[in-house]
Amino acid sequence: MGGQVLDYEAKRIAREKEIEDVKNMIYFVVSEDKILSKYSKDIYDKALNQMKQAEEELKEM
């Protein structure tokens, strides 16, 4: 069971890193097509949503 937890955690961390990578690519104006050639649409959408949420939180301050 401990191995399953470690496997799940490793996958979660890898997914978070991919999202951060995509956010950086968006920030540096890499085209959506180029990003999607390496990352999934799901990861791209999650990164975009996180960036929008962060922007909205800044506006509320």
C-alpha atoms as a PDB file:
ATOM      1  CA  MET A   1       0.000   0.000   0.000  1.00  0.00           C
ATOM      2  CA  GLY A   2       2.835   2.408   0.786  1.00  0.00           C
ATOM      3  CA  GLY A   3       4.126   1.961  -2.753  1.00  0.00           C
ATOM      4  CA  GLN A   4       0.765   2.955  -4.196  1.00  0.00           C
ATOM      5  CA  VAL A   5       0.740   6.133  -2.136  1.00  0.00           C
ATOM      6  CA  LEU A   6       4.258   7.004  -3.286  1.00  0.00           C
ATOM      7  CA  ASP A   7       3.312   6.304  -6.906  1.00  0.00           C
ATOM      8  CA  TYR A   8       0.235   8.537  -6.621  1.00  0.00           C
ATOM      9  CA  GLU A   9       2.274  11.306  -4.980  1.00  0.00           C
ATOM     10  CA  ALA A  10       4.984  11.099  -7.650  1.00  0.00           C
ATOM     11  CA  LYS A  11       2.356  11.407 -10.396  1.00  0.00           C
ATOM     12  CA  ARG A  12       0.717  14.356  -8.624  1.00  0.00           C
ATOM     13  CA  ILE A  13       4.045  16.167  -8.294  1.00  0.00           C
ATOM     14  CA  ALA A  14       4.897  15.495 -11.958  1.00  0.00           C
ATOM     15  CA  ARG A  15       1.493  16.854 -13.021  1.00  0.00           C
ATOM     16  CA  GLU A  16       1.981  20.013 -10.941  1.00  0.00           C
ATOM     17  CA  LYS A  17       5.402  20.520 -12.531  1.00  0.00           C
ATOM     18  CA  GLU A  18       3.905  20.157 -16.010  1.00  0.00           C
ATOM     19  CA  ILE A  19       1.290  22.780 -15.135  1.00  0.00           C
ATOM     20  CA  GLU A  20       4.020  25.149 -13.919  1.00  0.00           C
ATOM     21  CA  ASP A  21       6.025  24.489 -17.093  1.00  0.00           C
ATOM     22  CA  VAL A  22       3.023  25.341 -19.271  1.00  0.00           C
ATOM     23  CA  LYS A  23       2.306  28.493 -17.242  1.00  0.00           C
ATOM     24  CA  ASN A  24       5.869  29.641 -17.910  1.00  0.00           C
ATOM     25  CA  MET A  25       5.472  28.899 -21.614  1.00  0.00           C
ATOM     26  CA  ILE A  26       2.246  30.920 -21.729  1.00  0.00           C
ATOM     27  CA  TYR A  27       3.960  33.763 -19.849  1.00  0.00           C
ATOM     28  CA  PHE A  28       6.756  33.808 -22.432  1.00  0.00           C
ATOM     29  CA  VAL A  29       4.201  33.835 -25.284  1.00  0.00           C
ATOM     30  CA  VAL A  30       4.847  30.362 -26.676  1.00  0.00           C
ATOM     31  CA  SER A  31       2.015  29.533 -29.069  1.00  0.00           C
ATOM     32  CA  GLU A  32      -0.766  27.211 -27.973  1.00  0.00           C
ATOM     33  CA  ASP A  33       0.056  24.859 -30.868  1.00  0.00           C
ATOM     34  CA  LYS A  34       3.663  24.501 -29.750  1.00  0.00           C
ATOM     35  CA  ILE A  35       2.638  23.887 -26.139  1.00  0.00           C
ATOM     36  CA  LEU A  36       0.071  21.287 -27.198  1.00  0.00           C
ATOM     37  CA  SER A  37       2.698  19.463 -29.240  1.00  0.00           C
ATOM     38  CA  LYS A  38       4.333  18.490 -25.942  1.00  0.00           C
ATOM     39  CA  TYR A  39       1.613  18.765 -23.271  1.00  0.00           C
ATOM     40  CA  SER A  40      -1.998  17.614 -23.133  1.00  0.00           C
ATOM     41  CA  LYS A  41      -4.952  19.953 -23.613  1.00  0.00           C
ATOM     42  CA  ASP A  42      -5.991  19.142 -20.031  1.00  0.00           C
ATOM     43  CA  ILE A  43      -2.660  20.374 -18.638  1.00  0.00           C
ATOM     44  CA  TYR A  44      -2.842  23.473 -20.861  1.00  0.00           C
ATOM     45  CA  ASP A  45      -6.373  24.282 -19.673  1.00  0.00           C
ATOM     46  CA  LYS A  46      -5.444  23.797 -16.013  1.00  0.00           C
ATOM     47  CA  ALA A  47      -2.460  26.124 -16.393  1.00  0.00           C
ATOM     48  CA  LEU A  48      -4.599  28.751 -18.102  1.00  0.00           C
ATOM     49  CA  ASN A  49      -7.263  28.524 -15.391  1.00  0.00           C
ATOM     50  CA  GLN A  50      -4.673  28.876 -12.619  1.00  0.00           C
ATOM     51  CA  MET A  51      -3.262  31.967 -14.304  1.00  0.00           C
ATOM     52  CA  LYS A  52      -6.743  33.489 -14.638  1.00  0.00           C
ATOM     53  CA  GLN A  53      -7.506  32.759 -10.975  1.00  0.00           C
ATOM     54  CA  ALA A  54      -4.260  34.384  -9.865  1.00  0.00           C
ATOM     55  CA  GLU A  55      -5.038  37.445 -11.970  1.00  0.00           C
ATOM     56  CA  GLU A  56      -8.538  37.729 -10.481  1.00  0.00           C
ATOM     57  CA  GLU A  57      -7.157  37.415  -6.950  1.00  0.00           C
ATOM     58  CA  LEU A  58      -4.737  40.270  -7.634  1.00  0.00           C
ATOM     59  CA  LYS A  59      -7.563  42.463  -8.920  1.00  0.00           C
ATOM     60  CA  GLU A  60      -9.546  41.864  -5.721  1.00  0.00           C
ATOM     61  CA  MET A  61      -6.716  43.188  -3.546  1.00  0.00           C
END
